[in-house]
Amino acid sequence: MGTYVETSAADQPRDVADSVKEDDLRRVLKDVPRGAFALCAIAVALVLIFWLAIYFGIFLPRGPVS
């Protein structure tokens, strides 16, 4: 088995992540969580609506199990 001669990609400046300014980072992070919370709230609301529709449309009309 031979030795691995390639250097790390982080050694080359073009492969290293760009530096981000603090002001830009704060601006982006201010908007991202709001959208994620909105998407989460919509998903939870849809699940709850469908569950209630199944509960009231299927389970209750069938009556109690005896």
N, C-alpha and C. Protein backbone atom coordinates (compact mmCIF):
# COMPACT_ATOMS: atom_id res chain seq x y z
N MET A 1 0.85 -1.17 0.00
CA MET A 1 0.00 0.00 0.00
C MET A 1 0.89 1.23 0.00
N GLY A 2 0.61 2.17 -0.91
CA GLY A 2 1.43 3.36 -1.04
C GLY A 2 1.03 4.45 -0.06
N THR A 3 1.84 5.47 -0.02
CA THR A 3 1.52 6.59 0.86
C THR A 3 0.62 7.57 0.14
N TYR A 4 -0.15 8.28 0.87
CA TYR A 4 -1.09 9.27 0.34
C TYR A 4 -0.36 10.59 0.24
N VAL A 5 -0.19 11.11 -0.98
CA VAL A 5 0.64 12.30 -1.19
C VAL A 5 -0.17 13.57 -1.40
N GLU A 6 -1.48 13.47 -1.55
CA GLU A 6 -2.27 14.68 -1.78
C GLU A 6 -2.38 15.49 -0.49
N THR A 7 -2.35 16.80 -0.66
CA THR A 7 -2.49 17.67 0.50
C THR A 7 -3.96 17.92 0.79
N SER A 8 -4.24 18.48 1.92
CA SER A 8 -5.60 18.79 2.31
C SER A 8 -6.17 19.88 1.41
N ALA A 9 -7.46 19.81 1.17
CA ALA A 9 -8.11 20.83 0.35
C ALA A 9 -8.11 22.18 1.06
N ALA A 10 -8.01 22.16 2.37
CA ALA A 10 -8.01 23.41 3.12
C ALA A 10 -6.70 24.17 2.96
N ASP A 11 -5.70 23.53 2.38
CA ASP A 11 -4.44 24.22 2.14
C ASP A 11 -4.55 25.24 1.01
N GLN A 12 -5.52 25.06 0.14
CA GLN A 12 -5.67 25.95 -1.00
C GLN A 12 -6.75 26.99 -0.69
N PRO A 13 -6.46 28.27 -0.87
CA PRO A 13 -7.42 29.32 -0.51
C PRO A 13 -8.76 29.23 -1.25
N ARG A 14 -8.78 28.68 -2.45
CA ARG A 14 -10.03 28.62 -3.19
C ARG A 14 -10.99 27.59 -2.61
N ASP A 15 -10.50 26.66 -1.78
CA ASP A 15 -11.34 25.62 -1.20
C ASP A 15 -11.77 25.93 0.23
N VAL A 16 -11.30 27.00 0.77
CA VAL A 16 -11.65 27.37 2.14
C VAL A 16 -12.88 28.28 2.10
N ALA A 17 -13.73 28.13 3.09
CA ALA A 17 -14.96 28.93 3.13
C ALA A 17 -14.63 30.41 3.18
N ASP A 18 -15.48 31.20 2.52
CA ASP A 18 -15.30 32.65 2.53
C ASP A 18 -15.57 33.20 3.93
N SER A 19 -14.92 34.28 4.24
CA SER A 19 -15.20 34.91 5.52
C SER A 19 -16.52 35.66 5.43
N VAL A 20 -17.29 35.61 6.49
CA VAL A 20 -18.60 36.23 6.52
C VAL A 20 -18.56 37.37 7.52
N LYS A 21 -19.10 38.50 7.13
CA LYS A 21 -19.15 39.65 8.02
C LYS A 21 -20.23 39.42 9.07
N GLU A 22 -19.98 39.90 10.28
CA GLU A 22 -20.92 39.71 11.39
C GLU A 22 -22.28 40.34 11.10
N ASP A 23 -22.29 41.51 10.48
CA ASP A 23 -23.55 42.17 10.17
C ASP A 23 -24.40 41.36 9.19
N ASP A 24 -23.74 40.80 8.18
CA ASP A 24 -24.45 39.97 7.21
C ASP A 24 -24.99 38.70 7.87
N LEU A 25 -24.20 38.12 8.75
CA LEU A 25 -24.62 36.90 9.44
C LEU A 25 -25.83 37.18 10.33
N ARG A 26 -25.82 38.27 11.05
CA ARG A 26 -26.97 38.62 11.90
C ARG A 26 -28.22 38.87 11.06
N ARG A 27 -28.05 39.54 9.93
CA ARG A 27 -29.21 39.82 9.06
C ARG A 27 -29.83 38.54 8.54
N VAL A 28 -29.00 37.60 8.12
CA VAL A 28 -29.51 36.34 7.58
C VAL A 28 -30.14 35.50 8.70
N LEU A 29 -29.49 35.42 9.83
CA LEU A 29 -30.01 34.61 10.92
C LEU A 29 -31.27 35.20 11.54
N LYS A 30 -31.52 36.48 11.32
CA LYS A 30 -32.74 37.10 11.82
C LYS A 30 -33.95 36.58 11.05
N ASP A 31 -33.80 36.32 9.77
CA ASP A 31 -34.91 35.89 8.93
C ASP A 31 -35.10 34.38 8.88
N VAL A 32 -34.03 33.63 8.98
CA VAL A 32 -34.11 32.18 8.80
C VAL A 32 -34.97 31.51 9.87
N PRO A 33 -34.76 31.76 11.17
CA PRO A 33 -35.59 31.07 12.15
C PRO A 33 -37.08 31.41 12.03
N ARG A 34 -37.40 32.62 11.63
CA ARG A 34 -38.81 33.00 11.47
C ARG A 34 -39.48 32.14 10.41
N GLY A 35 -38.81 31.93 9.30
CA GLY A 35 -39.36 31.09 8.24
C GLY A 35 -39.45 29.63 8.65
N ALA A 36 -38.46 29.15 9.39
CA ALA A 36 -38.49 27.76 9.86
C ALA A 36 -39.63 27.55 10.84
N PHE A 37 -39.84 28.51 11.73
CA PHE A 37 -40.95 28.39 12.68
C PHE A 37 -42.29 28.46 11.96
N ALA A 38 -42.41 29.28 10.95
CA ALA A 38 -43.66 29.36 10.19
C ALA A 38 -43.93 28.05 9.47
N LEU A 39 -42.92 27.48 8.86
CA LEU A 39 -43.07 26.20 8.17
C LEU A 39 -43.46 25.10 9.15
N CYS A 40 -42.83 25.10 10.31
CA CYS A 40 -43.15 24.11 11.34
C CYS A 40 -44.58 24.28 11.82
N ALA A 41 -45.02 25.51 12.04
CA ALA A 41 -46.38 25.76 12.50
C ALA A 41 -47.41 25.31 11.46
N ILE A 42 -47.13 25.56 10.20
CA ILE A 42 -48.04 25.13 9.13
C ILE A 42 -48.12 23.61 9.09
N ALA A 43 -46.98 22.93 9.20
CA ALA A 43 -46.96 21.47 9.16
C ALA A 43 -47.73 20.88 10.35
N VAL A 44 -47.51 21.42 11.53
CA VAL A 44 -48.21 20.92 12.72
C VAL A 44 -49.71 21.19 12.60
N ALA A 45 -50.10 22.35 12.10
CA ALA A 45 -51.51 22.67 11.93
C ALA A 45 -52.17 21.70 10.94
N LEU A 46 -51.49 21.39 9.85
CA LEU A 46 -52.06 20.45 8.87
C LEU A 46 -52.22 19.05 9.46
N VAL A 47 -51.24 18.60 10.20
CA VAL A 47 -51.33 17.28 10.84
C VAL A 47 -52.50 17.26 11.82
N LEU A 48 -52.62 18.31 12.60
CA LEU A 48 -53.73 18.38 13.57
C LEU A 48 -55.09 18.42 12.87
N ILE A 49 -55.20 19.18 11.80
CA ILE A 49 -56.47 19.26 11.06
C ILE A 49 -56.84 17.89 10.48
N PHE A 50 -55.87 17.20 9.87
CA PHE A 50 -56.16 15.89 9.30
C PHE A 50 -56.50 14.87 10.38
N TRP A 51 -55.81 14.94 11.51
CA TRP A 51 -56.11 14.02 12.59
C TRP A 51 -57.52 14.24 13.12
N LEU A 52 -57.91 15.51 13.31
CA LEU A 52 -59.26 15.81 13.78
C LEU A 52 -60.31 15.39 12.75
N ALA A 53 -60.02 15.56 11.47
CA ALA A 53 -60.96 15.13 10.43
C ALA A 53 -61.15 13.61 10.48
N ILE A 54 -60.08 12.87 10.66
CA ILE A 54 -60.20 11.41 10.76
C ILE A 54 -60.93 11.03 12.04
N TYR A 55 -60.62 11.71 13.14
CA TYR A 55 -61.25 11.39 14.42
C TYR A 55 -62.76 11.62 14.36
N PHE A 56 -63.16 12.82 13.89
CA PHE A 56 -64.58 13.13 13.85
C PHE A 56 -65.29 12.49 12.66
N GLY A 57 -64.59 12.19 11.59
CA GLY A 57 -65.23 11.62 10.40
C GLY A 57 -65.27 10.11 10.38
N ILE A 58 -64.36 9.46 11.10
CA ILE A 58 -64.31 8.00 11.03
C ILE A 58 -64.52 7.37 12.41
N PHE A 59 -63.77 7.80 13.41
CA PHE A 59 -63.82 7.13 14.70
C PHE A 59 -65.13 7.37 15.44
N LEU A 60 -65.55 8.60 15.58
CA LEU A 60 -66.76 8.89 16.34
C LEU A 60 -68.03 8.32 15.67
N PRO A 61 -68.20 8.42 14.36
CA PRO A 61 -69.42 7.86 13.77
C PRO A 61 -69.52 6.34 13.93
N ARG A 62 -68.43 5.64 14.08
CA ARG A 62 -68.49 4.18 14.21
C ARG A 62 -68.99 3.76 15.59
N GLY A 63 -68.89 4.65 16.54
CA GLY A 63 -69.40 4.35 17.88
C GLY A 63 -68.34 3.66 18.72
N PRO A 64 -68.70 3.37 19.98
CA PRO A 64 -67.75 2.73 20.88
C PRO A 64 -67.52 1.27 20.53
N VAL A 65 -66.36 0.79 20.86
CA VAL A 65 -66.01 -0.61 20.65
C VAL A 65 -66.47 -1.38 21.87
N SER A 66 -67.26 -2.45 21.64
CA SER A 66 -67.73 -3.20 22.80
C SER A 66 -67.42 -4.67 22.72
